[in-house]
C-alpha cells in the first residue's frame, strides 16, 4: 500500500528545500502532490509543475464541487489547496505522495489518511532567524514579512499535533533526519 508524507512549516523554514531533497532520493519512490492556488505565479513558476494556478472564482467553484482534500484562504481571495484528483492520480501510479502544505491542511490530510500518512513539522530555529531568511529572499515587502512572521508564530503552536517535529537549525542534519524518518515510515 502506498503512503503519504505531509510536510508543513512556516514560510521560510526550509520546507520546500527539504521536500525537494526527499524527492531526489529515488529509493523513497516519492512523487510531489502539486497544490492549487489562486495567487499569481512568481517568477519562474509554471502551471502544473509548481502549482495549479486558478483564478479565485475557479478555486471557489472547485470548493463548491467538493474537489479538495483540504484548502485554506490564507489571505483574502488567496487560496491554497490539495486536489483529490491529484492525490488519487499519484497513488494509482504506484507512488508514495509527498505534500508541501500549511499546518491546517497537513492536519486535515493526516485526519483523512490516518496511519497511512506521516505528518512532519519543520521547526525554524527562532522567529529572528526566520525573519533573516525571509528578508534574504528579497521577494516581499517588510509588511508582508511581518504578516508571515505573525502567521509563523501561530503555525508553530500546531507542531505538537504532528507525528514528527524536525528542527531546521542545520540543514544537513535536518535533511538526514528527515530522510531516515521517512525511509523508516515507508518500510513499515
N, C-alpha and C. Protein backbone atom coordinates (compact mmCIF):
# COMPACT_ATOMS: atom_id res chain seq x y z
N UNK A 1 0.85 -1.19 0.00
CA UNK A 1 0.00 0.00 0.00
C UNK A 1 0.89 1.25 0.00
N UNK A 2 0.60 2.17 -0.88
CA UNK A 2 1.35 3.42 -0.97
C UNK A 2 1.01 4.33 0.20
N UNK A 3 1.97 5.18 0.58
CA UNK A 3 1.81 6.03 1.75
C UNK A 3 1.95 7.50 1.38
N UNK A 4 1.65 8.35 2.36
CA UNK A 4 1.68 9.79 2.16
C UNK A 4 2.58 10.44 3.20
N UNK A 5 3.39 11.39 2.75
CA UNK A 5 4.27 12.15 3.63
C UNK A 5 3.83 13.61 3.57
N UNK A 6 3.43 14.14 4.71
CA UNK A 6 2.93 15.50 4.80
C UNK A 6 4.00 16.37 5.47
N UNK A 7 4.48 17.39 4.77
CA UNK A 7 5.49 18.28 5.33
C UNK A 7 4.88 19.67 5.46
N UNK A 8 4.86 20.18 6.69
CA UNK A 8 4.31 21.50 6.96
C UNK A 8 5.31 22.30 7.78
N UNK A 9 5.25 23.62 7.61
CA UNK A 9 6.15 24.52 8.33
C UNK A 9 5.78 25.95 8.01
N UNK A 10 6.19 26.86 8.86
CA UNK A 10 6.02 28.27 8.50
C UNK A 10 6.85 28.62 7.26
N UNK A 11 6.42 29.63 6.53
CA UNK A 11 7.14 30.10 5.36
C UNK A 11 8.56 30.52 5.74
N UNK A 12 9.54 30.08 4.94
CA UNK A 12 10.93 30.46 5.19
C UNK A 12 11.69 29.48 6.07
N UNK A 13 11.06 28.39 6.46
CA UNK A 13 11.68 27.42 7.35
C UNK A 13 12.60 26.43 6.63
N UNK A 14 12.45 26.34 5.31
CA UNK A 14 13.24 25.38 4.55
C UNK A 14 12.43 24.17 4.13
N UNK A 15 11.13 24.25 4.31
CA UNK A 15 10.22 23.14 3.98
C UNK A 15 10.33 22.72 2.52
N UNK A 16 10.26 23.67 1.61
CA UNK A 16 10.30 23.32 0.17
C UNK A 16 11.63 22.73 -0.23
N UNK A 17 12.72 23.24 0.34
CA UNK A 17 14.06 22.70 0.06
C UNK A 17 14.16 21.27 0.59
N UNK A 18 13.61 21.04 1.76
CA UNK A 18 13.61 19.70 2.36
C UNK A 18 12.78 18.73 1.51
N UNK A 19 11.63 19.17 1.04
CA UNK A 19 10.79 18.32 0.18
C UNK A 19 11.53 17.99 -1.11
N UNK A 20 12.19 18.98 -1.72
CA UNK A 20 12.97 18.73 -2.95
C UNK A 20 14.07 17.70 -2.70
N UNK A 21 14.72 17.80 -1.54
CA UNK A 21 15.77 16.82 -1.19
C UNK A 21 15.18 15.42 -1.10
N UNK A 22 14.06 15.27 -0.41
CA UNK A 22 13.43 13.94 -0.27
C UNK A 22 13.00 13.40 -1.64
N UNK A 23 12.50 14.27 -2.50
CA UNK A 23 12.11 13.85 -3.85
C UNK A 23 13.30 13.35 -4.66
N UNK A 24 14.49 13.86 -4.36
CA UNK A 24 15.69 13.44 -5.10
C UNK A 24 16.16 12.04 -4.71
N UNK A 25 15.66 11.53 -3.59
CA UNK A 25 16.03 10.20 -3.11
C UNK A 25 15.14 9.15 -3.77
N UNK A 26 15.63 8.58 -4.86
CA UNK A 26 14.82 7.67 -5.69
C UNK A 26 14.32 6.44 -4.93
N UNK A 27 15.08 5.99 -3.92
CA UNK A 27 14.67 4.81 -3.15
C UNK A 27 13.37 5.03 -2.37
N UNK A 28 12.95 6.28 -2.19
CA UNK A 28 11.72 6.56 -1.45
C UNK A 28 10.48 6.49 -2.34
N UNK A 29 10.66 6.47 -3.67
CA UNK A 29 9.54 6.41 -4.61
C UNK A 29 8.49 7.47 -4.31
N UNK A 30 8.95 8.71 -4.11
CA UNK A 30 8.05 9.81 -3.79
C UNK A 30 7.69 10.60 -5.04
N UNK A 31 6.47 11.07 -5.06
CA UNK A 31 6.02 11.98 -6.12
C UNK A 31 5.34 13.15 -5.42
N UNK A 32 5.60 14.34 -5.93
CA UNK A 32 5.11 15.57 -5.31
C UNK A 32 3.65 15.81 -5.66
N UNK A 33 2.84 16.08 -4.65
CA UNK A 33 1.45 16.47 -4.87
C UNK A 33 1.44 17.96 -5.13
N UNK A 34 1.11 18.33 -6.36
CA UNK A 34 1.09 19.74 -6.73
C UNK A 34 -0.18 20.37 -6.17
N UNK A 35 0.00 21.42 -5.38
CA UNK A 35 -1.13 22.12 -4.80
C UNK A 35 -1.74 23.08 -5.82
N UNK A 36 -2.97 23.46 -5.56
CA UNK A 36 -3.62 24.50 -6.35
C UNK A 36 -3.56 25.80 -5.54
N UNK A 37 -3.49 26.92 -6.24
CA UNK A 37 -3.51 28.22 -5.58
C UNK A 37 -4.20 29.24 -6.47
N UNK A 38 -4.73 30.27 -5.83
CA UNK A 38 -5.34 31.36 -6.59
C UNK A 38 -4.40 32.57 -6.65
N UNK A 39 -3.21 32.45 -6.09
CA UNK A 39 -2.27 33.57 -6.20
C UNK A 39 -1.59 33.52 -7.56
N UNK A 40 -1.11 34.67 -8.04
CA UNK A 40 -0.43 34.65 -9.34
C UNK A 40 0.92 33.96 -9.24
N UNK A 41 1.42 33.40 -10.35
CA UNK A 41 2.73 32.75 -10.34
C UNK A 41 3.85 33.74 -10.01
N UNK A 42 4.84 33.27 -9.26
CA UNK A 42 6.07 34.05 -9.03
C UNK A 42 6.99 33.78 -10.21
N UNK A 43 8.04 34.58 -10.34
CA UNK A 43 8.99 34.41 -11.44
C UNK A 43 9.47 32.96 -11.52
N UNK A 44 9.37 32.38 -12.70
CA UNK A 44 9.88 31.03 -12.94
C UNK A 44 8.91 29.92 -12.60
N UNK A 45 7.81 30.22 -11.91
CA UNK A 45 6.86 29.16 -11.57
C UNK A 45 6.01 28.81 -12.79
N UNK A 46 5.71 27.50 -12.92
CA UNK A 46 4.94 27.02 -14.06
C UNK A 46 3.68 26.30 -13.60
N UNK A 47 2.59 26.52 -14.33
CA UNK A 47 1.34 25.83 -14.04
C UNK A 47 1.51 24.33 -14.26
N UNK A 48 1.04 23.54 -13.31
CA UNK A 48 1.13 22.09 -13.42
C UNK A 48 2.49 21.54 -13.00
N UNK A 49 3.43 22.41 -12.66
CA UNK A 49 4.75 21.99 -12.18
C UNK A 49 4.92 22.44 -10.72
N UNK A 50 4.78 23.74 -10.49
CA UNK A 50 4.92 24.28 -9.14
C UNK A 50 3.57 24.30 -8.41
N UNK A 51 2.55 24.72 -9.12
CA UNK A 51 1.17 24.79 -8.62
C UNK A 51 0.24 24.62 -9.80
N UNK A 52 -1.02 24.35 -9.49
CA UNK A 52 -2.09 24.53 -10.46
C UNK A 52 -2.63 25.92 -10.15
N UNK A 53 -2.41 26.86 -11.06
CA UNK A 53 -2.84 28.24 -10.84
C UNK A 53 -4.27 28.41 -11.32
N UNK A 54 -5.14 28.80 -10.39
CA UNK A 54 -6.56 29.00 -10.67
C UNK A 54 -6.93 30.44 -10.31
N UNK A 55 -7.96 30.96 -10.94
CA UNK A 55 -8.46 32.26 -10.51
C UNK A 55 -9.21 32.04 -9.19
N UNK A 56 -9.40 33.09 -8.40
CA UNK A 56 -10.20 32.92 -7.17
C UNK A 56 -11.59 32.33 -7.47
N UNK A 57 -12.19 32.72 -8.60
CA UNK A 57 -13.52 32.21 -8.96
C UNK A 57 -13.45 30.71 -9.26
N UNK A 58 -12.43 30.28 -10.02
CA UNK A 58 -12.28 28.85 -10.32
C UNK A 58 -12.06 28.06 -9.02
N UNK A 59 -11.25 28.61 -8.13
CA UNK A 59 -10.96 27.94 -6.87
C UNK A 59 -12.25 27.76 -6.06
N UNK A 60 -13.02 28.82 -5.96
CA UNK A 60 -14.28 28.76 -5.20
C UNK A 60 -15.25 27.75 -5.80
N UNK A 61 -15.28 27.65 -7.13
CA UNK A 61 -16.15 26.69 -7.80
C UNK A 61 -15.73 25.26 -7.46
N UNK A 62 -14.42 25.02 -7.45
CA UNK A 62 -13.92 23.67 -7.12
C UNK A 62 -14.18 23.33 -5.64
N UNK A 63 -14.13 24.34 -4.78
CA UNK A 63 -14.51 24.12 -3.37
C UNK A 63 -15.97 23.67 -3.32
N UNK A 64 -16.82 24.41 -4.02
CA UNK A 64 -18.26 24.10 -4.05
C UNK A 64 -18.52 22.69 -4.60
N UNK A 65 -17.67 22.26 -5.53
CA UNK A 65 -17.81 20.92 -6.12
C UNK A 65 -17.22 19.81 -5.24
N UNK A 66 -16.60 20.17 -4.12
CA UNK A 66 -16.01 19.17 -3.22
C UNK A 66 -14.76 18.52 -3.78
N UNK A 67 -13.98 19.26 -4.58
CA UNK A 67 -12.81 18.70 -5.25
C UNK A 67 -11.52 18.73 -4.43
N UNK A 68 -11.55 19.32 -3.22
CA UNK A 68 -10.33 19.45 -2.42
C UNK A 68 -10.32 18.52 -1.21
N UNK A 69 -9.14 17.94 -0.92
CA UNK A 69 -8.93 17.22 0.34
C UNK A 69 -8.87 18.24 1.47
N UNK A 70 -8.23 19.35 1.16
CA UNK A 70 -8.10 20.44 2.13
C UNK A 70 -7.85 21.70 1.33
N UNK A 71 -8.22 22.82 1.93
CA UNK A 71 -7.92 24.12 1.32
C UNK A 71 -7.98 25.17 2.42
N UNK A 72 -7.38 26.30 2.15
CA UNK A 72 -7.45 27.41 3.09
C UNK A 72 -7.36 28.71 2.33
N UNK A 73 -8.13 29.68 2.78
CA UNK A 73 -8.00 31.04 2.27
C UNK A 73 -6.98 31.72 3.18
N UNK A 74 -5.74 31.79 2.71
CA UNK A 74 -4.63 32.27 3.53
C UNK A 74 -4.74 33.79 3.74
N UNK A 75 -5.01 34.48 2.67
CA UNK A 75 -5.31 35.91 2.71
C UNK A 75 -6.55 36.09 1.86
N UNK A 76 -7.19 37.24 1.89
CA UNK A 76 -8.42 37.43 1.14
C UNK A 76 -8.24 37.09 -0.35
N UNK A 77 -9.06 36.15 -0.83
CA UNK A 77 -9.03 35.67 -2.22
C UNK A 77 -7.72 35.00 -2.62
N UNK A 78 -6.89 34.65 -1.64
CA UNK A 78 -5.67 33.88 -1.92
C UNK A 78 -5.83 32.52 -1.25
N UNK A 79 -6.17 31.53 -2.07
CA UNK A 79 -6.44 30.18 -1.60
C UNK A 79 -5.27 29.25 -1.95
N UNK A 80 -5.10 28.24 -1.12
CA UNK A 80 -4.20 27.12 -1.41
C UNK A 80 -4.98 25.86 -1.08
N UNK A 81 -4.76 24.80 -1.84
CA UNK A 81 -5.47 23.57 -1.53
C UNK A 81 -4.90 22.38 -2.27
N UNK A 82 -5.32 21.20 -1.82
CA UNK A 82 -4.89 19.93 -2.40
C UNK A 82 -6.07 19.28 -3.11
N UNK A 83 -5.94 19.11 -4.40
CA UNK A 83 -7.00 18.48 -5.19
C UNK A 83 -7.01 16.96 -4.97
N UNK A 84 -8.19 16.41 -4.68
CA UNK A 84 -8.34 14.96 -4.51
C UNK A 84 -7.82 14.23 -5.75
N UNK A 85 -8.14 14.76 -6.93
CA UNK A 85 -7.77 14.10 -8.18
C UNK A 85 -6.25 13.97 -8.33
N UNK A 86 -5.50 14.94 -7.82
CA UNK A 86 -4.03 14.90 -7.90
C UNK A 86 -3.49 13.73 -7.05
N UNK A 87 -3.98 13.60 -5.83
CA UNK A 87 -3.52 12.54 -4.92
C UNK A 87 -3.94 11.17 -5.46
N UNK A 88 -5.18 11.05 -5.92
CA UNK A 88 -5.65 9.78 -6.48
C UNK A 88 -4.80 9.36 -7.68
N UNK A 89 -4.46 10.33 -8.53
CA UNK A 89 -3.64 10.04 -9.72
C UNK A 89 -2.29 9.46 -9.31
N UNK A 90 -1.64 10.08 -8.33
CA UNK A 90 -0.31 9.64 -7.91
C UNK A 90 -0.35 8.26 -7.24
N UNK A 91 -1.33 8.05 -6.38
CA UNK A 91 -1.46 6.75 -5.71
C UNK A 91 -1.75 5.65 -6.73
N UNK A 92 -2.57 5.95 -7.72
CA UNK A 92 -2.90 4.98 -8.78
C UNK A 92 -1.65 4.63 -9.59
N UNK A 93 -0.74 5.61 -9.75
CA UNK A 93 0.51 5.37 -10.46
C UNK A 93 1.52 4.59 -9.62
N UNK A 94 1.15 4.24 -8.38
CA UNK A 94 2.03 3.44 -7.54
C UNK A 94 3.10 4.24 -6.81
N UNK A 95 2.86 5.52 -6.63
CA UNK A 95 3.84 6.38 -5.97
C UNK A 95 3.44 6.64 -4.52
N UNK A 96 4.44 6.89 -3.69
CA UNK A 96 4.19 7.47 -2.37
C UNK A 96 4.07 8.97 -2.62
N UNK A 97 3.14 9.61 -1.95
CA UNK A 97 2.85 11.02 -2.22
C UNK A 97 3.44 11.89 -1.12
N UNK A 98 4.14 12.97 -1.53
CA UNK A 98 4.67 13.92 -0.56
C UNK A 98 4.00 15.27 -0.77
N UNK A 99 3.62 15.90 0.34
CA UNK A 99 2.91 17.17 0.32
C UNK A 99 3.77 18.26 0.96
N UNK A 100 3.68 19.46 0.42
CA UNK A 100 4.26 20.67 0.99
C UNK A 100 3.06 21.57 1.24
N UNK A 101 2.50 21.50 2.46
CA UNK A 101 1.24 22.20 2.75
C UNK A 101 1.31 22.95 4.06
N UNK A 102 0.36 23.88 4.25
CA UNK A 102 0.30 24.61 5.51
C UNK A 102 -0.16 23.68 6.64
N UNK A 103 -0.03 24.15 7.86
CA UNK A 103 -0.27 23.26 9.01
C UNK A 103 -1.70 22.74 9.09
N UNK A 104 -2.66 23.59 8.85
CA UNK A 104 -4.06 23.13 8.93
C UNK A 104 -4.34 22.11 7.83
N UNK A 105 -3.85 22.39 6.64
CA UNK A 105 -4.02 21.45 5.52
C UNK A 105 -3.36 20.12 5.82
N UNK A 106 -2.15 20.20 6.39
CA UNK A 106 -1.43 18.98 6.74
C UNK A 106 -2.19 18.13 7.75
N UNK A 107 -2.75 18.78 8.76
CA UNK A 107 -3.51 18.05 9.77
C UNK A 107 -4.79 17.47 9.18
N UNK A 108 -5.41 18.18 8.24
CA UNK A 108 -6.62 17.66 7.59
C UNK A 108 -6.31 16.41 6.76
N UNK A 109 -5.20 16.45 6.02
CA UNK A 109 -4.81 15.28 5.21
C UNK A 109 -4.50 14.11 6.13
N UNK A 110 -3.81 14.37 7.23
CA UNK A 110 -3.49 13.32 8.20
C UNK A 110 -4.78 12.69 8.75
N UNK A 111 -5.76 13.52 9.04
CA UNK A 111 -7.03 13.03 9.57
C UNK A 111 -7.72 12.10 8.57
N UNK A 112 -7.65 12.44 7.28
CA UNK A 112 -8.29 11.64 6.24
C UNK A 112 -7.58 10.30 6.05
N UNK A 113 -6.24 10.32 6.01
CA UNK A 113 -5.48 9.10 5.69
C UNK A 113 -4.96 8.34 6.90
N UNK A 114 -5.03 8.93 8.09
CA UNK A 114 -4.65 8.24 9.32
C UNK A 114 -3.24 7.68 9.31
N UNK A 115 -3.11 6.40 9.67
CA UNK A 115 -1.79 5.75 9.78
C UNK A 115 -1.09 5.58 8.44
N UNK A 116 -1.82 5.78 7.35
CA UNK A 116 -1.21 5.68 6.02
C UNK A 116 -0.37 6.93 5.72
N UNK A 117 -0.51 7.97 6.55
CA UNK A 117 0.20 9.24 6.35
C UNK A 117 1.11 9.54 7.54
N UNK A 118 2.27 10.14 7.24
CA UNK A 118 3.20 10.62 8.26
C UNK A 118 3.21 12.14 8.17
N UNK A 119 2.89 12.81 9.29
CA UNK A 119 2.90 14.27 9.29
C UNK A 119 4.20 14.77 9.94
N UNK A 120 4.90 15.62 9.20
CA UNK A 120 6.20 16.15 9.64
C UNK A 120 6.12 17.66 9.73
N UNK A 121 6.47 18.21 10.87
CA UNK A 121 6.52 19.67 11.05
C UNK A 121 7.98 20.10 11.09
N UNK A 122 8.33 21.05 10.22
CA UNK A 122 9.69 21.58 10.20
C UNK A 122 9.71 22.87 11.01
N UNK A 123 10.47 22.87 12.08
CA UNK A 123 10.51 23.99 13.03
C UNK A 123 11.71 24.89 12.73
N UNK A 124 11.47 26.21 12.62
CA UNK A 124 12.60 27.12 12.46
C UNK A 124 13.37 27.23 13.77
N UNK A 125 14.67 27.60 13.71
CA UNK A 125 15.45 27.74 14.94
C UNK A 125 14.88 28.83 15.86
N UNK A 126 14.37 29.91 15.25
CA UNK A 126 13.79 31.01 16.03
C UNK A 126 13.04 31.93 15.08
N UNK A 127 12.21 32.80 15.65
CA UNK A 127 11.50 33.79 14.83
C UNK A 127 12.50 34.77 14.22
N UNK A 128 13.55 35.14 14.97
CA UNK A 128 14.56 36.06 14.42
C UNK A 128 15.26 35.46 13.21
N UNK A 129 15.60 34.18 13.28
CA UNK A 129 16.24 33.52 12.14
C UNK A 129 15.27 33.44 10.96
N UNK A 130 14.02 33.20 11.25
CA UNK A 130 13.00 33.17 10.20
C UNK A 130 12.92 34.54 9.51
N UNK A 131 12.95 35.61 10.29
CA UNK A 131 12.93 36.96 9.73
C UNK A 131 14.13 37.16 8.80
N UNK A 132 15.32 36.73 9.24
CA UNK A 132 16.52 36.86 8.41
C UNK A 132 16.35 36.13 7.09
N UNK A 133 15.84 34.91 7.14
CA UNK A 133 15.66 34.11 5.91
C UNK A 133 14.67 34.77 4.96
N UNK A 134 13.57 35.27 5.49
CA UNK A 134 12.57 35.92 4.64
C UNK A 134 13.12 37.21 4.03
N UNK A 135 13.88 37.95 4.81
CA UNK A 135 14.47 39.20 4.29
C UNK A 135 15.51 38.91 3.21
N UNK A 136 16.29 37.84 3.39
CA UNK A 136 17.31 37.47 2.40
C UNK A 136 16.69 37.07 1.06
N UNK A 137 15.49 36.50 1.09
CA UNK A 137 14.81 36.13 -0.15
C UNK A 137 14.63 37.35 -1.06
N UNK A 138 14.34 38.49 -0.43
CA UNK A 138 14.15 39.72 -1.17
C UNK A 138 12.92 39.73 -2.06
N UNK A 139 11.94 38.89 -1.76
CA UNK A 139 10.75 38.78 -2.62
C UNK A 139 9.54 39.49 -2.05
N UNK A 140 9.65 40.00 -0.81
CA UNK A 140 8.45 40.55 -0.18
C UNK A 140 8.73 41.87 0.54
N UNK A 141 7.68 42.65 0.69
CA UNK A 141 7.77 43.92 1.40
C UNK A 141 7.94 43.66 2.90
N UNK A 142 8.45 44.66 3.63
CA UNK A 142 8.53 44.49 5.09
C UNK A 142 7.18 44.17 5.73
N UNK A 143 6.10 44.75 5.18
CA UNK A 143 4.75 44.48 5.73
C UNK A 143 4.37 43.02 5.51
N UNK A 144 4.69 42.50 4.33
CA UNK A 144 4.38 41.09 4.03
C UNK A 144 5.19 40.16 4.93
N UNK A 145 6.44 40.54 5.19
CA UNK A 145 7.28 39.73 6.08
C UNK A 145 6.69 39.71 7.49
N UNK A 146 6.24 40.86 7.97
CA UNK A 146 5.63 40.91 9.31
C UNK A 146 4.38 40.03 9.37
N UNK A 147 3.59 40.04 8.30
CA UNK A 147 2.40 39.19 8.23
C UNK A 147 2.80 37.72 8.32
N UNK A 148 3.84 37.35 7.57
CA UNK A 148 4.30 35.95 7.56
C UNK A 148 4.83 35.54 8.93
N UNK A 149 5.53 36.45 9.62
CA UNK A 149 6.07 36.13 10.94
C UNK A 149 4.95 35.93 11.97
N UNK A 150 3.93 36.77 11.89
CA UNK A 150 2.79 36.60 12.80
C UNK A 150 2.12 35.25 12.55
N UNK A 151 1.98 34.91 11.28
CA UNK A 151 1.38 33.62 10.91
C UNK A 151 2.28 32.47 11.38
N UNK A 152 3.61 32.64 11.26
CA UNK A 152 4.56 31.60 11.67
C UNK A 152 4.42 31.29 13.15
N UNK A 153 4.28 32.31 13.98
CA UNK A 153 4.13 32.10 15.43
C UNK A 153 2.88 31.26 15.70
N UNK A 154 1.80 31.58 15.00
CA UNK A 154 0.55 30.83 15.14
C UNK A 154 0.76 29.39 14.67
N UNK A 155 1.37 29.22 13.51
CA UNK A 155 1.57 27.87 12.96
C UNK A 155 2.44 27.01 13.88
N UNK A 156 3.45 27.60 14.49
CA UNK A 156 4.34 26.85 15.37
C UNK A 156 3.58 26.25 16.56
N UNK A 157 2.46 26.85 16.92
CA UNK A 157 1.67 26.31 18.04
C UNK A 157 1.03 24.96 17.69
N UNK A 158 0.99 24.61 16.39
CA UNK A 158 0.40 23.34 15.95
C UNK A 158 1.42 22.20 15.95
N UNK A 159 2.70 22.51 16.09
CA UNK A 159 3.75 21.49 15.98
C UNK A 159 3.48 20.22 16.81
N UNK A 160 3.03 20.33 18.07
CA UNK A 160 2.81 19.11 18.86
C UNK A 160 1.77 18.15 18.28
N UNK A 161 0.95 18.62 17.35
CA UNK A 161 -0.10 17.75 16.78
C UNK A 161 0.42 16.93 15.60
N UNK A 162 1.68 17.14 15.21
CA UNK A 162 2.28 16.39 14.11
C UNK A 162 2.98 15.14 14.65
N UNK A 163 3.14 14.14 13.78
CA UNK A 163 3.80 12.89 14.19
C UNK A 163 5.25 13.13 14.56
N UNK A 164 5.92 14.01 13.81
CA UNK A 164 7.35 14.25 13.98
C UNK A 164 7.62 15.75 13.84
N UNK A 165 8.53 16.27 14.67
CA UNK A 165 8.99 17.65 14.53
C UNK A 165 10.49 17.61 14.26
N UNK A 166 10.90 18.27 13.17
CA UNK A 166 12.33 18.34 12.82
C UNK A 166 12.76 19.79 12.94
N UNK A 167 13.76 20.04 13.77
CA UNK A 167 14.30 21.38 13.94
C UNK A 167 15.28 21.65 12.80
N UNK A 168 15.02 22.71 12.03
CA UNK A 168 15.93 23.05 10.93
C UNK A 168 16.86 24.18 11.35
N UNK A 169 17.80 23.85 12.24
CA UNK A 169 18.83 24.81 12.62
C UNK A 169 20.13 24.54 11.86
N UNK A 170 20.24 23.32 11.31
CA UNK A 170 21.38 22.91 10.49
C UNK A 170 20.78 22.07 9.37
N UNK A 171 20.77 22.59 8.14
CA UNK A 171 20.04 21.93 7.07
C UNK A 171 20.56 20.53 6.77
N UNK A 172 21.87 20.32 6.80
CA UNK A 172 22.40 18.98 6.51
C UNK A 172 21.89 17.96 7.52
N UNK A 173 21.87 18.35 8.79
CA UNK A 173 21.36 17.44 9.82
C UNK A 173 19.86 17.23 9.63
N UNK A 174 19.12 18.31 9.35
CA UNK A 174 17.66 18.22 9.20
C UNK A 174 17.29 17.32 8.02
N UNK A 175 18.01 17.44 6.90
CA UNK A 175 17.67 16.61 5.73
C UNK A 175 18.01 15.14 5.99
N UNK A 176 19.11 14.87 6.68
CA UNK A 176 19.45 13.49 7.02
C UNK A 176 18.41 12.89 7.96
N UNK A 177 17.99 13.68 8.95
CA UNK A 177 16.97 13.22 9.89
C UNK A 177 15.65 12.95 9.17
N UNK A 178 15.26 13.85 8.29
CA UNK A 178 14.02 13.68 7.55
C UNK A 178 14.08 12.42 6.68
N UNK A 179 15.20 12.22 6.01
CA UNK A 179 15.35 11.04 5.15
C UNK A 179 15.19 9.75 5.97
N UNK A 180 15.87 9.66 7.10
CA UNK A 180 15.80 8.46 7.94
C UNK A 180 14.39 8.21 8.45
N UNK A 181 13.71 9.26 8.89
CA UNK A 181 12.35 9.14 9.42
C UNK A 181 11.39 8.67 8.32
N UNK A 182 11.49 9.28 7.15
CA UNK A 182 10.60 8.93 6.04
C UNK A 182 10.87 7.51 5.56
N UNK A 183 12.14 7.17 5.41
CA UNK A 183 12.51 5.82 4.96
C UNK A 183 11.94 4.76 5.90
N UNK A 184 12.11 4.97 7.19
CA UNK A 184 11.61 4.03 8.20
C UNK A 184 10.08 3.90 8.11
N UNK A 185 9.41 5.02 7.96
CA UNK A 185 7.94 5.01 7.86
C UNK A 185 7.48 4.24 6.61
N UNK A 186 8.13 4.47 5.49
CA UNK A 186 7.73 3.81 4.24
C UNK A 186 8.00 2.30 4.27
N UNK A 187 8.96 1.89 5.07
CA UNK A 187 9.31 0.45 5.15
C UNK A 187 8.40 -0.32 6.11
N UNK A 188 7.63 0.40 6.92
CA UNK A 188 6.72 -0.25 7.88
C UNK A 188 5.68 -1.08 7.20
